[in-house]
Amino acid sequence: MKNFNNKVVVITGAASGMGRAYALAFAREGSLLALCDFDAAGLEETLTLVRSISGTKIAQAVFDISDQTATFNFAEQVRQELGAVDVLINNAGIEGSAKPVWATEAESFERVMAVNYFGVVNGTRAFLPQMQAKNSGAIINVSSIFGLAGTPNHADYCGSKFAVRGFTEALMVELIDSHIQVQLLHPGGINTNIARKDHTREFSQHFLTTSPDDIAQHLLTCIKKNKKRIVYGNGSIKTWLGVRLLPLQSVCKLVWHEMKSVIDLKDYQH
């Protein structure tokens, strides 16, 4: 895909952070935008910002991306209001409990997986038929560098992001002979509000430092180049090289050394 002018771009989780930055970046490119989020107020702020820089057509909806029916309804809304989708960015995601496995409630594992993984599945399955009908398009699924290496106090989040990675890599193979490109994004520490809990503040301040606008511009370039795996943001390249080059035991030790000063350790005290 060489340009985005008049292309229909769907962005989930568009109310803040990376989703908002993607919306603004594509608006500047002249894209037609389909934006959704569970956060109605945040989504309205994004719409206001988009309209301040572009008169592009926008489809919008407020719903939970883990709701399969609502996601498929949004896909039909987009088709009717804007036309068949050209670019789908499955971006919506939530943080986990920020506690170790033994202190994390089952509900957290289930909720994080529902949004972070099944949200990607729902978005892909809802919009993929529109791309298959014309045999073109781009699907970008957002994992994380926590989908490259396991990290303490994030088993629920890591599990969901590793699942996104596996799902997306399988989809890449399934569509290898089509003209639909599938790309996997592993953001590093991006300065968003995903880490909202009091006991994740130190982690957020230490790790989430890369601007969302920076990763948005990088993503546009990578979509044009059809780069399959996109690793970008604070700590991302170091993590990717580490998991590729080092034994797993060494990776575990290095991750613990890096993370133990910025996570809540009270659940480790016996």
C-alpha atoms as a PDB file:
ATOM      1  CA  MET A   1       0.000   0.000   0.000  1.00  0.00           C
ATOM      2  CA  LYS A   2       1.668   3.165  -1.237  1.00  0.00           C
ATOM      3  CA  ASN A   3      -0.645   5.909  -0.002  1.00  0.00           C
ATOM      4  CA  PHE A   4      -3.604   6.390   2.327  1.00  0.00           C
ATOM      5  CA  ASN A   5      -5.554   9.179   0.642  1.00  0.00           C
ATOM      6  CA  ASN A   6      -9.272   8.260   0.538  1.00  0.00           C
ATOM      7  CA  LYS A   7      -8.491   4.845   2.025  1.00  0.00           C
ATOM      8  CA  VAL A   8     -10.911   3.523   4.652  1.00  0.00           C
ATOM      9  CA  VAL A   9      -8.957   3.065   7.876  1.00  0.00           C
ATOM     10  CA  VAL A  10     -10.471   1.334  10.913  1.00  0.00           C
ATOM     11  CA  ILE A  11      -8.846   1.946  14.307  1.00  0.00           C
ATOM     12  CA  THR A  12     -10.052   0.233  17.472  1.00  0.00           C
ATOM     13  CA  GLY A  13      -9.215   1.764  20.835  1.00  0.00           C
ATOM     14  CA  ALA A  14      -9.160   5.235  19.274  1.00  0.00           C
ATOM     15  CA  ALA A  15     -10.116   7.220  22.392  1.00  0.00           C
ATOM     16  CA  SER A  16      -6.566   7.843  23.619  1.00  0.00           C
ATOM     17  CA  GLY A  17      -2.892   6.939  23.392  1.00  0.00           C
ATOM     18  CA  MET A  18      -1.690   5.130  20.297  1.00  0.00           C
ATOM     19  CA  GLY A  19      -5.184   4.802  18.865  1.00  0.00           C
ATOM     20  CA  ARG A  20      -5.693   8.560  18.936  1.00  0.00           C
ATOM     21  CA  ALA A  21      -2.225   9.127  17.441  1.00  0.00           C
ATOM     22  CA  TYR A  22      -2.997   6.690  14.606  1.00  0.00           C
ATOM     23  CA  ALA A  23      -6.286   8.497  13.919  1.00  0.00           C
ATOM     24  CA  LEU A  24      -4.572  11.875  13.685  1.00  0.00           C
ATOM     25  CA  ALA A  25      -1.764  10.516  11.511  1.00  0.00           C
ATOM     26  CA  PHE A  26      -4.167   8.950   9.008  1.00  0.00           C
ATOM     27  CA  ALA A  27      -6.373  12.057   9.048  1.00  0.00           C
ATOM     28  CA  ARG A  28      -3.373  14.082   7.881  1.00  0.00           C
ATOM     29  CA  GLU A  29      -2.959  11.562   5.053  1.00  0.00           C
ATOM     30  CA  GLY A  30      -6.517  12.163   3.849  1.00  0.00           C
ATOM     31  CA  SER A  31      -7.911   8.804   4.974  1.00  0.00           C
ATOM     32  CA  LEU A  32     -11.563   8.081   5.711  1.00  0.00           C
ATOM     33  CA  LEU A  33     -11.697   7.067   9.363  1.00  0.00           C
ATOM     34  CA  ALA A  34     -13.727   4.487  11.259  1.00  0.00           C
ATOM     35  CA  LEU A  35     -13.049   4.905  14.977  1.00  0.00           C
ATOM     36  CA  CYS A  36     -14.351   2.974  17.942  1.00  0.00           C
ATOM     37  CA  ASP A  37     -13.734   2.653  21.650  1.00  0.00           C
ATOM     38  CA  PHE A  38     -15.476   1.748  24.899  1.00  0.00           C
ATOM     39  CA  ASP A  39     -14.657   5.217  26.283  1.00  0.00           C
ATOM     40  CA  ALA A  40     -17.295   7.570  24.840  1.00  0.00           C
ATOM     41  CA  ALA A  41     -15.802  10.771  26.272  1.00  0.00           C
ATOM     42  CA  GLY A  42     -12.285   9.937  25.095  1.00  0.00           C
ATOM     43  CA  LEU A  43     -13.534   9.006  21.643  1.00  0.00           C
ATOM     44  CA  GLU A  44     -15.332  12.342  21.362  1.00  0.00           C
ATOM     45  CA  GLU A  45     -12.077  14.123  22.218  1.00  0.00           C
ATOM     46  CA  THR A  46     -10.334  12.212  19.444  1.00  0.00           C
ATOM     47  CA  LEU A  47     -13.069  13.139  16.982  1.00  0.00           C
ATOM     48  CA  THR A  48     -12.729  16.806  17.918  1.00  0.00           C
ATOM     49  CA  LEU A  49      -8.970  16.670  17.331  1.00  0.00           C
ATOM     50  CA  VAL A  50      -9.394  14.895  13.996  1.00  0.00           C
ATOM     51  CA  ARG A  51     -11.949  17.449  12.820  1.00  0.00           C
ATOM     52  CA  SER A  52      -9.610  20.281  13.758  1.00  0.00           C
ATOM     53  CA  ILE A  53      -7.063  19.107  11.193  1.00  0.00           C
ATOM     54  CA  SER A  54      -9.185  17.397   8.554  1.00  0.00           C
ATOM     55  CA  GLY A  55     -12.645  17.419   7.040  1.00  0.00           C
ATOM     56  CA  THR A  56     -12.458  13.701   6.367  1.00  0.00           C
ATOM     57  CA  LYS A  57     -15.513  11.470   6.639  1.00  0.00           C
ATOM     58  CA  ILE A  58     -15.717   9.583   9.938  1.00  0.00           C
ATOM     59  CA  ALA A  59     -17.723   6.581  11.111  1.00  0.00           C
ATOM     60  CA  GLN A  60     -17.805   6.130  14.857  1.00  0.00           C
ATOM     61  CA  ALA A  61     -19.186   3.778  17.460  1.00  0.00           C
ATOM     62  CA  VAL A  62     -18.909   3.200  21.211  1.00  0.00           C
ATOM     63  CA  PHE A  63     -18.847  -0.468  22.255  1.00  0.00           C
ATOM     64  CA  ASP A  64     -16.779  -3.177  23.922  1.00  0.00           C
ATOM     65  CA  ILE A  65     -14.451  -4.757  21.367  1.00  0.00           C
ATOM     66  CA  SER A  66     -14.746  -8.094  23.181  1.00  0.00           C
ATOM     67  CA  ASP A  67     -18.421  -8.152  22.102  1.00  0.00           C
ATOM     68  CA  GLN A  68     -18.421 -10.131  18.857  1.00  0.00           C
ATOM     69  CA  THR A  69     -21.883  -9.041  17.742  1.00  0.00           C
ATOM     70  CA  ALA A  70     -21.152  -5.354  18.344  1.00  0.00           C
ATOM     71  CA  THR A  71     -17.890  -5.646  16.395  1.00  0.00           C
ATOM     72  CA  PHE A  72     -19.584  -7.260  13.406  1.00  0.00           C
ATOM     73  CA  ASN A  73     -22.292  -4.594  13.525  1.00  0.00           C
ATOM     74  CA  PHE A  74     -19.598  -1.918  13.411  1.00  0.00           C
ATOM     75  CA  ALA A  75     -18.041  -3.568  10.372  1.00  0.00           C
ATOM     76  CA  GLU A  76     -21.367  -3.357   8.560  1.00  0.00           C
ATOM     77  CA  GLN A  77     -21.805   0.262   9.669  1.00  0.00           C
ATOM     78  CA  VAL A  78     -18.390   1.128   8.237  1.00  0.00           C
ATOM     79  CA  ARG A  79     -19.148  -0.620   4.953  1.00  0.00           C
ATOM     80  CA  GLN A  80     -22.386   1.314   4.556  1.00  0.00           C
ATOM     81  CA  GLU A  81     -21.054   4.721   5.627  1.00  0.00           C
ATOM     82  CA  LEU A  82     -17.533   4.696   4.158  1.00  0.00           C
ATOM     83  CA  GLY A  83     -17.136   1.643   1.954  1.00  0.00           C
ATOM     84  CA  ALA A  84     -15.039  -1.498   2.254  1.00  0.00           C
ATOM     85  CA  VAL A  85     -12.121  -1.271   4.671  1.00  0.00           C
ATOM     86  CA  ASP A  86      -8.571  -0.813   3.349  1.00  0.00           C
ATOM     87  CA  VAL A  87      -6.587  -0.695   6.611  1.00  0.00           C
ATOM     88  CA  LEU A  88      -7.559  -2.300   9.921  1.00  0.00           C
ATOM     89  CA  ILE A  89      -5.573  -1.529  13.066  1.00  0.00           C
ATOM     90  CA  ASN A  90      -6.615  -3.814  15.913  1.00  0.00           C
ATOM     91  CA  ASN A  91      -5.236  -1.567  18.633  1.00  0.00           C
ATOM     92  CA  ALA A  92      -7.693  -1.720  21.562  1.00  0.00           C
ATOM     93  CA  GLY A  93      -6.194  -3.052  24.779  1.00  0.00           C
ATOM     94  CA  ILE A  94      -6.261  -2.838  28.562  1.00  0.00           C
ATOM     95  CA  GLU A  95      -3.700  -3.400  31.300  1.00  0.00           C
ATOM     96  CA  GLY A  96      -3.695  -6.421  33.559  1.00  0.00           C
ATOM     97  CA  SER A  97      -3.651  -6.743  37.335  1.00  0.00           C
ATOM     98  CA  ALA A  98       0.053  -5.813  37.656  1.00  0.00           C
ATOM     99  CA  LYS A  99       0.360  -8.625  40.188  1.00  0.00           C
ATOM    100  CA  PRO A 100       2.097 -12.014  40.078  1.00  0.00           C
ATOM    101  CA  VAL A 101       0.160 -15.087  38.968  1.00  0.00           C
ATOM    102  CA  TRP A 102      -0.682 -16.231  42.498  1.00  0.00           C
ATOM    103  CA  ALA A 103      -2.146 -12.838  43.414  1.00  0.00           C
ATOM    104  CA  THR A 104      -4.109 -12.302  40.187  1.00  0.00           C
ATOM    105  CA  GLU A 105      -7.821 -13.088  40.195  1.00  0.00           C
ATOM    106  CA  ALA A 106      -9.248 -15.348  37.500  1.00  0.00           C
ATOM    107  CA  GLU A 107     -11.480 -12.485  36.390  1.00  0.00           C
ATOM    108  CA  SER A 108      -8.416 -10.449  35.406  1.00  0.00           C
ATOM    109  CA  PHE A 109      -7.040 -13.211  33.188  1.00  0.00           C
ATOM    110  CA  GLU A 110     -10.440 -13.573  31.552  1.00  0.00           C
ATOM    111  CA  ARG A 111     -11.111  -9.857  31.041  1.00  0.00           C
ATOM    112  CA  VAL A 112      -7.641  -9.054  29.689  1.00  0.00           C
ATOM    113  CA  MET A 113      -7.820 -11.978  27.279  1.00  0.00           C
ATOM    114  CA  ALA A 114     -11.328 -10.970  26.202  1.00  0.00           C
ATOM    115  CA  VAL A 115     -10.265  -7.451  25.233  1.00  0.00           C
ATOM    116  CA  ASN A 116      -6.634  -7.817  24.186  1.00  0.00           C
ATOM    117  CA  TYR A 117      -6.878 -11.132  22.334  1.00  0.00           C
ATOM    118  CA  PHE A 118     -10.495 -11.745  21.411  1.00  0.00           C
ATOM    119  CA  GLY A 119     -10.831  -8.071  20.499  1.00  0.00           C
ATOM    120  CA  VAL A 120      -8.192  -8.681  17.829  1.00  0.00           C
ATOM    121  CA  VAL A 121      -9.916 -11.882  16.731  1.00  0.00           C
ATOM    122  CA  ASN A 122     -13.285 -10.137  16.543  1.00  0.00           C
ATOM    123  CA  GLY A 123     -11.925  -7.169  14.596  1.00  0.00           C
ATOM    124  CA  THR A 124     -10.097  -9.400  12.138  1.00  0.00           C
ATOM    125  CA  ARG A 125     -13.049 -11.725  11.531  1.00  0.00           C
ATOM    126  CA  ALA A 126     -15.489  -8.830  11.201  1.00  0.00           C
ATOM    127  CA  PHE A 127     -13.527  -6.839   8.617  1.00  0.00           C
ATOM    128  CA  LEU A 128     -11.526  -9.504   6.764  1.00  0.00           C
ATOM    129  CA  PRO A 129     -14.427 -10.501   4.455  1.00  0.00           C
ATOM    130  CA  GLN A 130     -14.500  -6.946   3.081  1.00  0.00           C
ATOM    131  CA  MET A 131     -10.811  -7.237   2.173  1.00  0.00           C
ATOM    132  CA  GLN A 132     -11.228 -10.743   0.753  1.00  0.00           C
ATOM    133  CA  ALA A 133     -14.038  -9.542  -1.514  1.00  0.00           C
ATOM    134  CA  LYS A 134     -11.621  -7.182  -3.270  1.00  0.00           C
ATOM    135  CA  ASN A 135      -8.404  -9.139  -2.485  1.00  0.00           C
ATOM    136  CA  SER A 136      -6.606  -6.150  -1.004  1.00  0.00           C
ATOM    137  CA  GLY A 137      -6.018  -4.439   2.320  1.00  0.00           C
ATOM    138  CA  ALA A 138      -3.781  -4.326   5.351  1.00  0.00           C
ATOM    139  CA  ILE A 139      -4.378  -5.776   8.811  1.00  0.00           C
ATOM    140  CA  ILE A 140      -2.157  -4.538  11.633  1.00  0.00           C
ATOM    141  CA  ASN A 141      -2.529  -6.347  14.939  1.00  0.00           C
ATOM    142  CA  VAL A 142      -1.021  -4.714  18.014  1.00  0.00           C
ATOM    143  CA  SER A 143       0.847  -7.063  20.332  1.00  0.00           C
ATOM    144  CA  SER A 144       3.580  -5.684  22.629  1.00  0.00           C
ATOM    145  CA  ILE A 145       7.157  -6.351  23.574  1.00  0.00           C
ATOM    146  CA  PHE A 146       5.369  -8.185  26.395  1.00  0.00           C
ATOM    147  CA  GLY A 147       4.370 -10.509  23.584  1.00  0.00           C
ATOM    148  CA  LEU A 148       8.060 -11.206  22.984  1.00  0.00           C
ATOM    149  CA  ALA A 149       9.250 -11.870  26.543  1.00  0.00           C
ATOM    150  CA  GLY A 150       7.410 -12.788  29.716  1.00  0.00           C
ATOM    151  CA  THR A 151       7.610 -10.165  32.465  1.00  0.00           C
ATOM    152  CA  PRO A 152       6.859 -10.336  36.203  1.00  0.00           C
ATOM    153  CA  ASN A 153       3.488  -9.032  37.420  1.00  0.00           C
ATOM    154  CA  HIS A 154       2.118  -9.118  33.877  1.00  0.00           C
ATOM    155  CA  ALA A 155       1.221 -12.756  33.216  1.00  0.00           C
ATOM    156  CA  ASP A 156      -2.360 -11.877  32.279  1.00  0.00           C
ATOM    157  CA  TYR A 157      -1.228  -9.120  29.920  1.00  0.00           C
ATOM    158  CA  CYS A 158       1.684 -11.139  28.483  1.00  0.00           C
ATOM    159  CA  GLY A 159      -0.602 -14.113  27.884  1.00  0.00           C
ATOM    160  CA  SER A 160      -2.956 -11.961  25.825  1.00  0.00           C
ATOM    161  CA  LYS A 161      -0.171 -10.349  23.813  1.00  0.00           C
ATOM    162  CA  PHE A 162       1.592 -13.655  23.091  1.00  0.00           C
ATOM    163  CA  ALA A 163      -1.803 -14.908  21.887  1.00  0.00           C
ATOM    164  CA  VAL A 164      -2.097 -11.931  19.517  1.00  0.00           C
ATOM    165  CA  ARG A 165       1.352 -12.769  18.185  1.00  0.00           C
ATOM    166  CA  GLY A 166       0.475 -16.417  17.507  1.00  0.00           C
ATOM    167  CA  PHE A 167      -2.874 -15.549  15.942  1.00  0.00           C
ATOM    168  CA  THR A 168      -1.317 -12.928  13.676  1.00  0.00           C
ATOM    169  CA  GLU A 169       1.594 -15.065  12.543  1.00  0.00           C
ATOM    170  CA  ALA A 170      -0.862 -17.856  11.658  1.00  0.00           C
ATOM    171  CA  LEU A 171      -2.990 -15.358   9.710  1.00  0.00           C
ATOM    172  CA  MET A 172       0.100 -14.199   7.820  1.00  0.00           C
ATOM    173  CA  VAL A 173       0.629 -17.739   6.563  1.00  0.00           C
ATOM    174  CA  GLU A 174      -3.024 -18.240   5.692  1.00  0.00           C
ATOM    175  CA  LEU A 175      -3.080 -15.078   3.557  1.00  0.00           C
ATOM    176  CA  ILE A 176       0.414 -15.470   2.098  1.00  0.00           C
ATOM    177  CA  ASP A 177      -0.919 -16.000  -1.457  1.00  0.00           C
ATOM    178  CA  SER A 178      -3.401 -13.113  -1.288  1.00  0.00           C
ATOM    179  CA  HIS A 179      -2.943  -9.366  -1.742  1.00  0.00           C
ATOM    180  CA  ILE A 180      -3.971  -8.758   1.872  1.00  0.00           C
ATOM    181  CA  GLN A 181      -0.956  -7.819   3.963  1.00  0.00           C
ATOM    182  CA  VAL A 182      -0.825  -8.824   7.619  1.00  0.00           C
ATOM    183  CA  GLN A 183       1.528  -7.064  10.022  1.00  0.00           C
ATOM    184  CA  LEU A 184       2.377  -7.522  13.682  1.00  0.00           C
ATOM    185  CA  LEU A 185       3.240  -4.506  15.829  1.00  0.00           C
ATOM    186  CA  HIS A 186       5.231  -4.907  19.062  1.00  0.00           C
ATOM    187  CA  PRO A 187       5.251  -1.484  20.776  1.00  0.00           C
ATOM    188  CA  GLY A 188       7.788  -0.897  23.504  1.00  0.00           C
ATOM    189  CA  GLY A 189       7.270   1.672  26.238  1.00  0.00           C
ATOM    190  CA  ILE A 190       4.828   4.111  24.636  1.00  0.00           C
ATOM    191  CA  ASN A 191       3.667   7.084  26.700  1.00  0.00           C
ATOM    192  CA  THR A 192      -0.037   6.247  26.979  1.00  0.00           C
ATOM    193  CA  ASN A 193      -2.460   5.993  29.889  1.00  0.00           C
ATOM    194  CA  ILE A 194      -2.777   2.215  29.745  1.00  0.00           C
ATOM    195  CA  ALA A 195      -1.024   1.843  33.127  1.00  0.00           C
ATOM    196  CA  ARG A 196      -3.629   3.530  35.326  1.00  0.00           C
ATOM    197  CA  LYS A 197      -3.309   1.684  38.628  1.00  0.00           C
ATOM    198  CA  ASP A 198      -1.541   3.372  41.564  1.00  0.00           C
ATOM    199  CA  HIS A 199       0.953   0.528  41.927  1.00  0.00           C
ATOM    200  CA  THR A 200       1.956   0.753  38.237  1.00  0.00           C
ATOM    201  CA  ARG A 201       2.889   4.445  38.364  1.00  0.00           C
ATOM    202  CA  GLU A 202       6.628   3.839  38.907  1.00  0.00           C
ATOM    203  CA  PHE A 203       6.685   1.326  36.052  1.00  0.00           C
ATOM    204  CA  SER A 204       4.869   3.823  33.819  1.00  0.00           C
ATOM    205  CA  GLN A 205       7.243   6.686  34.594  1.00  0.00           C
ATOM    206  CA  HIS A 206      10.324   4.506  34.069  1.00  0.00           C
ATOM    207  CA  PHE A 207       9.242   2.597  30.985  1.00  0.00           C
ATOM    208  CA  LEU A 208       6.495   4.413  29.026  1.00  0.00           C
ATOM    209  CA  THR A 209       8.553   7.186  27.442  1.00  0.00           C
ATOM    210  CA  THR A 210       8.167   7.023  23.637  1.00  0.00           C
ATOM    211  CA  SER A 211       5.669   9.452  22.118  1.00  0.00           C
ATOM    212  CA  PRO A 212       2.517   7.920  20.550  1.00  0.00           C
ATOM    213  CA  ASP A 213       2.999  10.316  17.612  1.00  0.00           C
ATOM    214  CA  ASP A 214       6.402   8.776  16.929  1.00  0.00           C
ATOM    215  CA  ILE A 215       5.095   5.220  16.707  1.00  0.00           C
ATOM    216  CA  ALA A 216       2.165   6.399  14.576  1.00  0.00           C
ATOM    217  CA  GLN A 217       4.490   7.908  11.973  1.00  0.00           C
ATOM    218  CA  HIS A 218       6.692   4.827  12.079  1.00  0.00           C
ATOM    219  CA  LEU A 219       3.685   2.585  11.545  1.00  0.00           C
ATOM    220  CA  LEU A 220       2.575   4.488   8.446  1.00  0.00           C
ATOM    221  CA  THR A 221       6.017   3.969   6.933  1.00  0.00           C
ATOM    222  CA  CYS A 222       5.979   0.263   7.797  1.00  0.00           C
ATOM    223  CA  ILE A 223       2.528  -0.263   6.278  1.00  0.00           C
ATOM    224  CA  LYS A 224       3.754   1.247   3.020  1.00  0.00           C
ATOM    225  CA  LYS A 225       6.749  -1.122   3.093  1.00  0.00           C
ATOM    226  CA  ASN A 226       4.638  -4.107   4.243  1.00  0.00           C
ATOM    227  CA  LYS A 227       7.082  -4.819   7.046  1.00  0.00           C
ATOM    228  CA  LYS A 228       5.787  -7.956   8.725  1.00  0.00           C
ATOM    229  CA  ARG A 229       7.116  -7.514  12.271  1.00  0.00           C
ATOM    230  CA  ILE A 230       7.323  -3.968  13.594  1.00  0.00           C
ATOM    231  CA  VAL A 231       9.284  -3.468  16.820  1.00  0.00           C
ATOM    232  CA  TYR A 232       9.356   0.121  18.020  1.00  0.00           C
ATOM    233  CA  GLY A 233       9.505   2.148  21.236  1.00  0.00           C
ATOM    234  CA  ASN A 234      11.477   2.323  24.458  1.00  0.00           C
ATOM    235  CA  GLY A 235      13.173  -0.993  25.235  1.00  0.00           C
ATOM    236  CA  SER A 236      11.776  -2.754  22.181  1.00  0.00           C
ATOM    237  CA  ILE A 237      14.904  -3.475  20.150  1.00  0.00           C
ATOM    238  CA  LYS A 238      16.811  -4.605  23.242  1.00  0.00           C
ATOM    239  CA  THR A 239      14.012  -7.018  24.101  1.00  0.00           C
ATOM    240  CA  TRP A 240      13.703  -8.366  20.562  1.00  0.00           C
ATOM    241  CA  LEU A 241      17.437  -8.971  20.247  1.00  0.00           C
ATOM    242  CA  GLY A 242      17.560 -10.548  23.689  1.00  0.00           C
ATOM    243  CA  VAL A 243      14.868 -13.136  22.997  1.00  0.00           C
ATOM    244  CA  ARG A 244      16.408 -13.946  19.615  1.00  0.00           C
ATOM    245  CA  LEU A 245      20.007 -14.314  20.733  1.00  0.00           C
ATOM    246  CA  LEU A 246      20.037 -15.436  24.372  1.00  0.00           C
ATOM    247  CA  PRO A 247      19.012 -18.668  26.117  1.00  0.00           C
ATOM    248  CA  LEU A 248      15.637 -18.428  27.823  1.00  0.00           C
ATOM    249  CA  GLN A 249      17.176 -18.726  31.290  1.00  0.00           C
ATOM    250  CA  SER A 250      19.375 -15.702  30.584  1.00  0.00           C
ATOM    251  CA  VAL A 251      16.398 -13.738  29.273  1.00  0.00           C
ATOM    252  CA  CYS A 252      14.448 -14.507  32.456  1.00  0.00           C
ATOM    253  CA  LYS A 253      17.287 -13.294  34.659  1.00  0.00           C
ATOM    254  CA  LEU A 254      17.786 -10.115  32.648  1.00  0.00           C
ATOM    255  CA  VAL A 255      14.056  -9.308  32.662  1.00  0.00           C
ATOM    256  CA  TRP A 256      13.863  -9.791  36.428  1.00  0.00           C
ATOM    257  CA  HIS A 257      16.901  -7.555  36.947  1.00  0.00           C
ATOM    258  CA  GLU A 258      15.352  -4.855  34.737  1.00  0.00           C
ATOM    259  CA  MET A 259      11.845  -5.013  36.180  1.00  0.00           C
ATOM    260  CA  LYS A 260      12.198  -5.673  39.906  1.00  0.00           C
ATOM    261  CA  SER A 261      12.900  -2.041  40.751  1.00  0.00           C
ATOM    262  CA  VAL A 262       9.724  -0.748  39.049  1.00  0.00           C
ATOM    263  CA  ILE A 263       7.088  -3.323  40.041  1.00  0.00           C
ATOM    264  CA  ASP A 264       5.181  -3.819  43.284  1.00  0.00           C
ATOM    265  CA  LEU A 265       7.013  -6.548  45.216  1.00  0.00           C
ATOM    266  CA  LYS A 266       4.733  -6.858  48.248  1.00  0.00           C
ATOM    267  CA  ASP A 267       3.194 -10.092  46.937  1.00  0.00           C
ATOM    268  CA  TYR A 268       6.658 -11.679  46.855  1.00  0.00           C
ATOM    269  CA  GLN A 269       7.128 -11.292  50.609  1.00  0.00           C
ATOM    270  CA  HIS A 270       6.330 -14.558  52.375  1.00  0.00           C
END
